């Protein structure tokens, strides 16, 4: 009798830069029935109206987005809703600020979220690599990341894995110009044989649509920023609803600490 009304028994929040539509779009695509997505926006100095950016984003606004007070206030406001987990959807600040700062950011935000767990994207990626027991990883950054920012990403993960490949994707430096076939072709042709897994960073990098095709072609797990953040948030809620065709990682639980 009743038509679906979008009500979620499991509700996941995402904190996203104010002009970035990719994180919530990909979360909605990943979410099976019974899971709803709720976004809050954070000011990001790297955007202009309409979502345009410089071809290479600068470090200063990237660093600033993870600092107080804007993200803290947004987390507190989003946590006023009856949510089960909240994701901070931003990869580059983790690369620039480092893993120790991510741990501090998680603690700082959780002090404002009334006990709702907070997922930091790159920490979720690190957790996913542990779950997969991957020891060598290829890191692919968005084309708007500088080479130095990509290298910072390598340093973020190097304490737990060997970096088999690390570079920004050689694609148009425009979020709205990224097409799945372009990303698929580029990643497939650049991932070396010794990489046991692939991580495509950048929450604003449209990437989840190529995961299954790449895993089929490469024969290895493929991780993306929004995928691992969603996986981690889902596992923290205790929800066991299957997510299919978006990567092997959804077959895994969070590793025991």
C-alpha atoms as a PDB file:
ATOM      1  CA  UNK A   1       0.000   0.000   0.000  1.00  0.00           C
ATOM      2  CA  UNK A   2       2.651   2.518   1.042  1.00  0.00           C
ATOM      3  CA  UNK A   3       5.331   3.865  -1.280  1.00  0.00           C
ATOM      4  CA  UNK A   4       8.981   4.204  -0.153  1.00  0.00           C
ATOM      5  CA  UNK A   5       9.474   7.512   1.632  1.00  0.00           C
ATOM      6  CA  UNK A   6      13.266   7.476   2.115  1.00  0.00           C
ATOM      7  CA  UNK A   7      13.119   6.831   5.843  1.00  0.00           C
ATOM      8  CA  UNK A   8      16.311   5.173   7.042  1.00  0.00           C
ATOM      9  CA  UNK A   9      16.557   2.777   9.949  1.00  0.00           C
ATOM     10  CA  UNK A  10      20.294   3.526   9.777  1.00  0.00           C
ATOM     11  CA  UNK A  11      21.185   7.179   9.254  1.00  0.00           C
ATOM     12  CA  UNK A  12      24.673   8.320   8.228  1.00  0.00           C
ATOM     13  CA  UNK A  13      25.763  11.946   8.187  1.00  0.00           C
ATOM     14  CA  UNK A  14      28.505  13.420   6.027  1.00  0.00           C
ATOM     15  CA  UNK A  15      30.389  16.681   6.486  1.00  0.00           C
ATOM     16  CA  UNK A  16      31.324  17.932   3.032  1.00  0.00           C
ATOM     17  CA  UNK A  17      32.887  21.113   1.560  1.00  0.00           C
ATOM     18  CA  UNK A  18      30.168  23.620   0.746  1.00  0.00           C
ATOM     19  CA  UNK A  19      30.309  23.310  -3.063  1.00  0.00           C
ATOM     20  CA  UNK A  20      31.178  19.611  -3.338  1.00  0.00           C
ATOM     21  CA  UNK A  21      28.285  17.371  -4.371  1.00  0.00           C
ATOM     22  CA  UNK A  22      30.266  14.154  -4.869  1.00  0.00           C
ATOM     23  CA  UNK A  23      30.391  12.743  -1.301  1.00  0.00           C
ATOM     24  CA  UNK A  24      26.655  12.775  -0.690  1.00  0.00           C
ATOM     25  CA  UNK A  25      25.920  11.641  -4.273  1.00  0.00           C
ATOM     26  CA  UNK A  26      28.245   8.646  -3.898  1.00  0.00           C
ATOM     27  CA  UNK A  27      26.962   7.849  -0.404  1.00  0.00           C
ATOM     28  CA  UNK A  28      23.419   7.789  -1.766  1.00  0.00           C
ATOM     29  CA  UNK A  29      24.521   5.469  -4.575  1.00  0.00           C
ATOM     30  CA  UNK A  30      26.246   3.145  -2.088  1.00  0.00           C
ATOM     31  CA  UNK A  31      23.371   3.094   0.392  1.00  0.00           C
ATOM     32  CA  UNK A  32      21.077   0.051   0.193  1.00  0.00           C
ATOM     33  CA  UNK A  33      17.430   0.210   1.247  1.00  0.00           C
ATOM     34  CA  UNK A  34      16.974   1.235   4.850  1.00  0.00           C
ATOM     35  CA  UNK A  35      20.012   3.535   4.996  1.00  0.00           C
ATOM     36  CA  UNK A  36      19.645   7.286   4.575  1.00  0.00           C
ATOM     37  CA  UNK A  37      22.281   9.973   4.044  1.00  0.00           C
ATOM     38  CA  UNK A  38      22.243  13.435   5.633  1.00  0.00           C
ATOM     39  CA  UNK A  39      24.785  16.104   4.677  1.00  0.00           C
ATOM     40  CA  UNK A  40      26.053  19.281   6.293  1.00  0.00           C
ATOM     41  CA  UNK A  41      28.266  21.739   4.448  1.00  0.00           C
ATOM     42  CA  UNK A  42      31.540  23.289   5.612  1.00  0.00           C
ATOM     43  CA  UNK A  43      33.095  26.441   4.113  1.00  0.00           C
ATOM     44  CA  UNK A  44      36.118  25.630   1.948  1.00  0.00           C
ATOM     45  CA  UNK A  45      38.303  28.419   0.617  1.00  0.00           C
ATOM     46  CA  UNK A  46      39.312  26.456  -2.483  1.00  0.00           C
ATOM     47  CA  UNK A  47      35.890  26.737  -4.152  1.00  0.00           C
ATOM     48  CA  UNK A  48      34.284  29.439  -6.233  1.00  0.00           C
ATOM     49  CA  UNK A  49      30.534  29.673  -6.975  1.00  0.00           C
ATOM     50  CA  UNK A  50      29.334  26.738  -9.031  1.00  0.00           C
ATOM     51  CA  UNK A  51      31.960  24.430  -7.571  1.00  0.00           C
ATOM     52  CA  UNK A  52      34.892  25.510  -9.735  1.00  0.00           C
ATOM     53  CA  UNK A  53      38.411  25.329  -8.332  1.00  0.00           C
ATOM     54  CA  UNK A  54      41.927  26.182  -9.351  1.00  0.00           C
ATOM     55  CA  UNK A  55      43.511  23.425 -11.414  1.00  0.00           C
ATOM     56  CA  UNK A  56      45.735  22.668  -8.409  1.00  0.00           C
ATOM     57  CA  UNK A  57      44.320  23.247  -4.944  1.00  0.00           C
ATOM     58  CA  UNK A  58      46.479  25.163  -2.494  1.00  0.00           C
ATOM     59  CA  UNK A  59      47.583  23.783   0.866  1.00  0.00           C
ATOM     60  CA  UNK A  60      46.302  26.667   3.002  1.00  0.00           C
ATOM     61  CA  UNK A  61      42.527  26.229   2.477  1.00  0.00           C
ATOM     62  CA  UNK A  62      42.988  22.453   2.615  1.00  0.00           C
ATOM     63  CA  UNK A  63      44.682  22.733   5.982  1.00  0.00           C
ATOM     64  CA  UNK A  64      42.140  25.246   7.251  1.00  0.00           C
ATOM     65  CA  UNK A  65      39.015  23.153   6.602  1.00  0.00           C
ATOM     66  CA  UNK A  66      39.976  20.647   9.307  1.00  0.00           C
ATOM     67  CA  UNK A  67      40.648  23.362  11.867  1.00  0.00           C
ATOM     68  CA  UNK A  68      38.136  24.896  14.276  1.00  0.00           C
ATOM     69  CA  UNK A  69      35.602  26.331  14.466  1.00  0.00           C
ATOM     70  CA  UNK A  70      33.615  25.705  11.254  1.00  0.00           C
ATOM     71  CA  UNK A  71      33.892  21.906  11.034  1.00  0.00           C
ATOM     72  CA  UNK A  72      33.351  21.551  14.799  1.00  0.00           C
ATOM     73  CA  UNK A  73      30.207  23.674  14.698  1.00  0.00           C
ATOM     74  CA  UNK A  74      28.919  21.808  11.634  1.00  0.00           C
ATOM     75  CA  UNK A  75      29.498  18.450  13.338  1.00  0.00           C
ATOM     76  CA  UNK A  76      27.627  19.581  16.436  1.00  0.00           C
ATOM     77  CA  UNK A  77      24.699  20.864  14.375  1.00  0.00           C
ATOM     78  CA  UNK A  78      24.541  17.715  12.231  1.00  0.00           C
ATOM     79  CA  UNK A  79      24.644  15.576  15.371  1.00  0.00           C
ATOM     80  CA  UNK A  80      21.431  17.215  16.567  1.00  0.00           C
ATOM     81  CA  UNK A  81      19.722  14.863  14.094  1.00  0.00           C
ATOM     82  CA  UNK A  82      19.142  11.226  15.155  1.00  0.00           C
ATOM     83  CA  UNK A  83      22.161   9.833  13.292  1.00  0.00           C
ATOM     84  CA  UNK A  84      24.198   6.689  13.860  1.00  0.00           C
ATOM     85  CA  UNK A  85      27.571   7.786  12.392  1.00  0.00           C
ATOM     86  CA  UNK A  86      29.084  10.916  10.840  1.00  0.00           C
ATOM     87  CA  UNK A  87      31.788  11.013   8.151  1.00  0.00           C
ATOM     88  CA  UNK A  88      34.227  13.860   7.575  1.00  0.00           C
ATOM     89  CA  UNK A  89      34.427  13.679   3.775  1.00  0.00           C
ATOM     90  CA  UNK A  90      37.767  15.281   2.920  1.00  0.00           C
ATOM     91  CA  UNK A  91      40.956  13.457   1.917  1.00  0.00           C
ATOM     92  CA  UNK A  92      43.438  16.231   1.219  1.00  0.00           C
ATOM     93  CA  UNK A  93      43.440  17.722   4.732  1.00  0.00           C
ATOM     94  CA  UNK A  94      44.516  14.306   6.026  1.00  0.00           C
ATOM     95  CA  UNK A  95      47.366  14.251   3.531  1.00  0.00           C
ATOM     96  CA  UNK A  96      48.481  17.761   4.471  1.00  0.00           C
ATOM     97  CA  UNK A  97      47.987  17.526   8.241  1.00  0.00           C
ATOM     98  CA  UNK A  98      48.915  13.881   8.819  1.00  0.00           C
ATOM     99  CA  UNK A  99      47.576  10.849  10.663  1.00  0.00           C
ATOM    100  CA  UNK A 100      48.208  12.197  14.173  1.00  0.00           C
ATOM    101  CA  UNK A 101      46.131  15.265  13.382  1.00  0.00           C
ATOM    102  CA  UNK A 102      43.347  13.019  12.041  1.00  0.00           C
ATOM    103  CA  UNK A 103      43.234  11.226  15.392  1.00  0.00           C
ATOM    104  CA  UNK A 104      43.018  14.582  17.164  1.00  0.00           C
ATOM    105  CA  UNK A 105      40.302  15.760  14.743  1.00  0.00           C
ATOM    106  CA  UNK A 106      38.238  12.642  15.410  1.00  0.00           C
ATOM    107  CA  UNK A 107      38.474  13.192  19.173  1.00  0.00           C
ATOM    108  CA  UNK A 108      37.676  16.886  18.819  1.00  0.00           C
ATOM    109  CA  UNK A 109      34.592  16.288  16.683  1.00  0.00           C
ATOM    110  CA  UNK A 110      33.312  13.426  18.822  1.00  0.00           C
ATOM    111  CA  UNK A 111      33.414  15.792  21.776  1.00  0.00           C
ATOM    112  CA  UNK A 112      30.705  17.740  19.918  1.00  0.00           C
ATOM    113  CA  UNK A 113      28.563  14.910  18.483  1.00  0.00           C
ATOM    114  CA  UNK A 114      26.799  13.565  21.599  1.00  0.00           C
ATOM    115  CA  UNK A 115      28.461  10.162  21.346  1.00  0.00           C
ATOM    116  CA  UNK A 116      27.839   9.673  17.605  1.00  0.00           C
ATOM    117  CA  UNK A 117      31.040   8.126  16.159  1.00  0.00           C
ATOM    118  CA  UNK A 118      32.973  10.178  13.599  1.00  0.00           C
ATOM    119  CA  UNK A 119      34.756   8.575  10.636  1.00  0.00           C
ATOM    120  CA  UNK A 120      37.782  10.331   9.117  1.00  0.00           C
ATOM    121  CA  UNK A 121      38.179   9.226   5.498  1.00  0.00           C
ATOM    122  CA  UNK A 122      41.905   8.479   5.375  1.00  0.00           C
ATOM    123  CA  UNK A 123      41.828   6.730   8.733  1.00  0.00           C
ATOM    124  CA  UNK A 124      39.044   4.570   7.269  1.00  0.00           C
ATOM    125  CA  UNK A 125      41.263   3.830   4.258  1.00  0.00           C
ATOM    126  CA  UNK A 126      44.086   2.774   6.569  1.00  0.00           C
ATOM    127  CA  UNK A 127      41.644   0.522   8.436  1.00  0.00           C
ATOM    128  CA  UNK A 128      40.441  -0.995   5.163  1.00  0.00           C
ATOM    129  CA  UNK A 129      44.017  -1.827   4.144  1.00  0.00           C
ATOM    130  CA  UNK A 130      44.484  -3.636   7.455  1.00  0.00           C
ATOM    131  CA  UNK A 131      41.241  -5.560   6.911  1.00  0.00           C
ATOM    132  CA  UNK A 132      42.440  -6.590   3.443  1.00  0.00           C
ATOM    133  CA  UNK A 133      45.941  -7.448   4.760  1.00  0.00           C
ATOM    134  CA  UNK A 134      47.345  -5.415   1.853  1.00  0.00           C
ATOM    135  CA  UNK A 135      51.065  -4.689   2.216  1.00  0.00           C
ATOM    136  CA  UNK A 136      51.697  -2.873  -1.078  1.00  0.00           C
ATOM    137  CA  UNK A 137      49.281  -0.241  -2.341  1.00  0.00           C
ATOM    138  CA  UNK A 138      48.950   2.015  -5.375  1.00  0.00           C
ATOM    139  CA  UNK A 139      47.773   5.501  -4.428  1.00  0.00           C
ATOM    140  CA  UNK A 140      45.870   7.485  -7.052  1.00  0.00           C
ATOM    141  CA  UNK A 141      45.078  11.125  -6.264  1.00  0.00           C
ATOM    142  CA  UNK A 142      42.680  13.495  -8.031  1.00  0.00           C
ATOM    143  CA  UNK A 143      44.203  15.549 -10.837  1.00  0.00           C
ATOM    144  CA  UNK A 144      43.760  18.720  -8.741  1.00  0.00           C
ATOM    145  CA  UNK A 145      46.175  17.406  -6.088  1.00  0.00           C
ATOM    146  CA  UNK A 146      49.743  18.604  -6.507  1.00  0.00           C
ATOM    147  CA  UNK A 147      52.561  16.081  -6.743  1.00  0.00           C
ATOM    148  CA  UNK A 148      53.695  17.226  -3.298  1.00  0.00           C
ATOM    149  CA  UNK A 149      50.208  16.636  -1.851  1.00  0.00           C
ATOM    150  CA  UNK A 150      50.214  13.140  -3.350  1.00  0.00           C
ATOM    151  CA  UNK A 151      53.618  12.529  -1.748  1.00  0.00           C
ATOM    152  CA  UNK A 152      52.185  13.668   1.581  1.00  0.00           C
ATOM    153  CA  UNK A 153      49.511  11.031   1.058  1.00  0.00           C
ATOM    154  CA  UNK A 154      52.235   8.448   0.641  1.00  0.00           C
ATOM    155  CA  UNK A 155      53.744   9.495   3.949  1.00  0.00           C
ATOM    156  CA  UNK A 156      50.311   9.182   5.583  1.00  0.00           C
ATOM    157  CA  UNK A 157      50.155   5.457   4.764  1.00  0.00           C
ATOM    158  CA  UNK A 158      53.831   4.483   4.685  1.00  0.00           C
ATOM    159  CA  UNK A 159      53.966   3.410   8.322  1.00  0.00           C
ATOM    160  CA  UNK A 160      51.713   0.431   7.534  1.00  0.00           C
ATOM    161  CA  UNK A 161      52.173  -0.343   3.818  1.00  0.00           C
ATOM    162  CA  UNK A 162      54.729  -0.104   1.057  1.00  0.00           C
ATOM    163  CA  UNK A 163      53.787   2.450  -1.591  1.00  0.00           C
ATOM    164  CA  UNK A 164      53.968   0.661  -4.938  1.00  0.00           C
ATOM    165  CA  UNK A 165      52.769   3.669  -6.956  1.00  0.00           C
ATOM    166  CA  UNK A 166      51.760   7.214  -6.063  1.00  0.00           C
ATOM    167  CA  UNK A 167      50.636  10.011  -8.385  1.00  0.00           C
ATOM    168  CA  UNK A 168      47.745  12.323  -9.281  1.00  0.00           C
ATOM    169  CA  UNK A 169      45.621  10.927 -12.107  1.00  0.00           C
ATOM    170  CA  UNK A 170      46.438  12.410 -15.488  1.00  0.00           C
ATOM    171  CA  UNK A 171      42.865  13.520 -16.158  1.00  0.00           C
ATOM    172  CA  UNK A 172      41.146  16.912 -16.605  1.00  0.00           C
ATOM    173  CA  UNK A 173      41.492  18.947 -13.414  1.00  0.00           C
ATOM    174  CA  UNK A 174      37.777  19.608 -13.167  1.00  0.00           C
ATOM    175  CA  UNK A 175      35.430  17.647 -10.895  1.00  0.00           C
ATOM    176  CA  UNK A 176      32.554  17.873 -13.337  1.00  0.00           C
ATOM    177  CA  UNK A 177      34.686  16.637 -16.252  1.00  0.00           C
ATOM    178  CA  UNK A 178      35.588  13.297 -14.631  1.00  0.00           C
ATOM    179  CA  UNK A 179      33.954  10.429 -16.501  1.00  0.00           C
ATOM    180  CA  UNK A 180      34.097   6.786 -15.356  1.00  0.00           C
ATOM    181  CA  UNK A 181      35.629   5.484 -18.583  1.00  0.00           C
ATOM    182  CA  UNK A 182      38.505   7.984 -18.363  1.00  0.00           C
ATOM    183  CA  UNK A 183      39.300   7.078 -14.775  1.00  0.00           C
ATOM    184  CA  UNK A 184      39.007   3.343 -15.485  1.00  0.00           C
ATOM    185  CA  UNK A 185      41.416   3.496 -18.428  1.00  0.00           C
ATOM    186  CA  UNK A 186      43.944   5.617 -16.543  1.00  0.00           C
ATOM    187  CA  UNK A 187      44.001   3.525 -13.377  1.00  0.00           C
ATOM    188  CA  UNK A 188      44.096   0.242 -15.271  1.00  0.00           C
ATOM    189  CA  UNK A 189      47.098   1.372 -17.304  1.00  0.00           C
ATOM    190  CA  UNK A 190      49.102   2.766 -14.363  1.00  0.00           C
ATOM    191  CA  UNK A 191      48.668   0.350 -11.444  1.00  0.00           C
ATOM    192  CA  UNK A 192      51.778  -1.868 -11.231  1.00  0.00           C
ATOM    193  CA  UNK A 193      51.589  -5.634 -10.871  1.00  0.00           C
ATOM    194  CA  UNK A 194      53.107  -5.625  -7.374  1.00  0.00           C
ATOM    195  CA  UNK A 195      50.329  -3.452  -5.911  1.00  0.00           C
ATOM    196  CA  UNK A 196      48.094  -5.645  -3.759  1.00  0.00           C
ATOM    197  CA  UNK A 197      45.375  -2.981  -3.520  1.00  0.00           C
ATOM    198  CA  UNK A 198      44.488   0.397  -4.987  1.00  0.00           C
ATOM    199  CA  UNK A 199      43.334   3.466  -3.091  1.00  0.00           C
ATOM    200  CA  UNK A 200      41.763   6.274  -5.138  1.00  0.00           C
ATOM    201  CA  UNK A 201      41.816   9.257  -2.793  1.00  0.00           C
ATOM    202  CA  UNK A 202      39.730  12.425  -2.914  1.00  0.00           C
ATOM    203  CA  UNK A 203      36.143  12.554  -1.656  1.00  0.00           C
ATOM    204  CA  UNK A 204      35.356  14.981  -4.459  1.00  0.00           C
ATOM    205  CA  UNK A 205      36.770  12.562  -7.056  1.00  0.00           C
ATOM    206  CA  UNK A 206      33.922  10.733  -8.816  1.00  0.00           C
ATOM    207  CA  UNK A 207      35.170   7.157  -8.560  1.00  0.00           C
ATOM    208  CA  UNK A 208      32.803   4.548  -7.108  1.00  0.00           C
ATOM    209  CA  UNK A 209      31.298   3.707 -10.499  1.00  0.00           C
ATOM    210  CA  UNK A 210      34.560   2.112 -11.681  1.00  0.00           C
ATOM    211  CA  UNK A 211      35.282  -0.030  -8.598  1.00  0.00           C
ATOM    212  CA  UNK A 212      33.734  -3.289  -9.807  1.00  0.00           C
ATOM    213  CA  UNK A 213      35.134  -2.974 -13.325  1.00  0.00           C
ATOM    214  CA  UNK A 214      38.614  -2.244 -11.990  1.00  0.00           C
ATOM    215  CA  UNK A 215      38.506  -5.099  -9.492  1.00  0.00           C
ATOM    216  CA  UNK A 216      37.454  -7.445 -12.296  1.00  0.00           C
ATOM    217  CA  UNK A 217      40.214  -6.170 -14.588  1.00  0.00           C
ATOM    218  CA  UNK A 218      43.020  -5.949 -12.030  1.00  0.00           C
ATOM    219  CA  UNK A 219      42.100  -8.904  -9.850  1.00  0.00           C
ATOM    220  CA  UNK A 220      42.799  -6.825  -6.731  1.00  0.00           C
ATOM    221  CA  UNK A 221      40.759  -4.834  -4.219  1.00  0.00           C
ATOM    222  CA  UNK A 222      40.012  -1.256  -5.208  1.00  0.00           C
ATOM    223  CA  UNK A 223      39.281   1.315  -2.516  1.00  0.00           C
ATOM    224  CA  UNK A 224      37.988   4.850  -2.961  1.00  0.00           C
ATOM    225  CA  UNK A 225      37.597   7.680  -0.467  1.00  0.00           C
ATOM    226  CA  UNK A 226      33.814   7.684  -0.182  1.00  0.00           C
ATOM    227  CA  UNK A 227      33.578   3.900  -0.392  1.00  0.00           C
ATOM    228  CA  UNK A 228      35.908   3.248   2.571  1.00  0.00           C
ATOM    229  CA  UNK A 229      34.314   6.029   4.627  1.00  0.00           C
ATOM    230  CA  UNK A 230      30.862   4.582   3.989  1.00  0.00           C
ATOM    231  CA  UNK A 231      32.078   1.040   4.745  1.00  0.00           C
ATOM    232  CA  UNK A 232      33.589   2.153   8.041  1.00  0.00           C
ATOM    233  CA  UNK A 233      30.499   4.147   9.029  1.00  0.00           C
ATOM    234  CA  UNK A 234      28.243   1.215   8.153  1.00  0.00           C
ATOM    235  CA  UNK A 235      30.308  -1.207  10.215  1.00  0.00           C
ATOM    236  CA  UNK A 236      30.315   1.171  13.189  1.00  0.00           C
ATOM    237  CA  UNK A 237      26.513   1.221  13.147  1.00  0.00           C
ATOM    238  CA  UNK A 238      26.402  -2.575  13.297  1.00  0.00           C
ATOM    239  CA  UNK A 239      24.290  -2.705  10.146  1.00  0.00           C
ATOM    240  CA  UNK A 240      24.792  -5.904   8.142  1.00  0.00           C
ATOM    241  CA  UNK A 241      22.797  -4.928   5.043  1.00  0.00           C
ATOM    242  CA  UNK A 242      24.857  -6.061   2.027  1.00  0.00           C
ATOM    243  CA  UNK A 243      26.413  -3.517  -0.348  1.00  0.00           C
ATOM    244  CA  UNK A 244      27.029  -5.200  -3.716  1.00  0.00           C
ATOM    245  CA  UNK A 245      29.021  -4.227  -6.812  1.00  0.00           C
ATOM    246  CA  UNK A 246      31.008  -1.531  -5.005  1.00  0.00           C
ATOM    247  CA  UNK A 247      34.078  -3.432  -3.921  1.00  0.00           C
ATOM    248  CA  UNK A 248      35.373  -6.415  -2.013  1.00  0.00           C
ATOM    249  CA  UNK A 249      35.813  -4.347   1.128  1.00  0.00           C
ATOM    250  CA  UNK A 250      32.104  -4.707   1.911  1.00  0.00           C
ATOM    251  CA  UNK A 251      32.727  -8.419   2.501  1.00  0.00           C
ATOM    252  CA  UNK A 252      34.934  -7.501   5.494  1.00  0.00           C
ATOM    253  CA  UNK A 253      34.311  -6.428   9.059  1.00  0.00           C
ATOM    254  CA  UNK A 254      36.370  -3.833  10.872  1.00  0.00           C
ATOM    255  CA  UNK A 255      39.621  -5.454  12.041  1.00  0.00           C
ATOM    256  CA  UNK A 256      39.929  -6.087  15.737  1.00  0.00           C
ATOM    257  CA  UNK A 257      42.283  -3.755  17.513  1.00  0.00           C
END
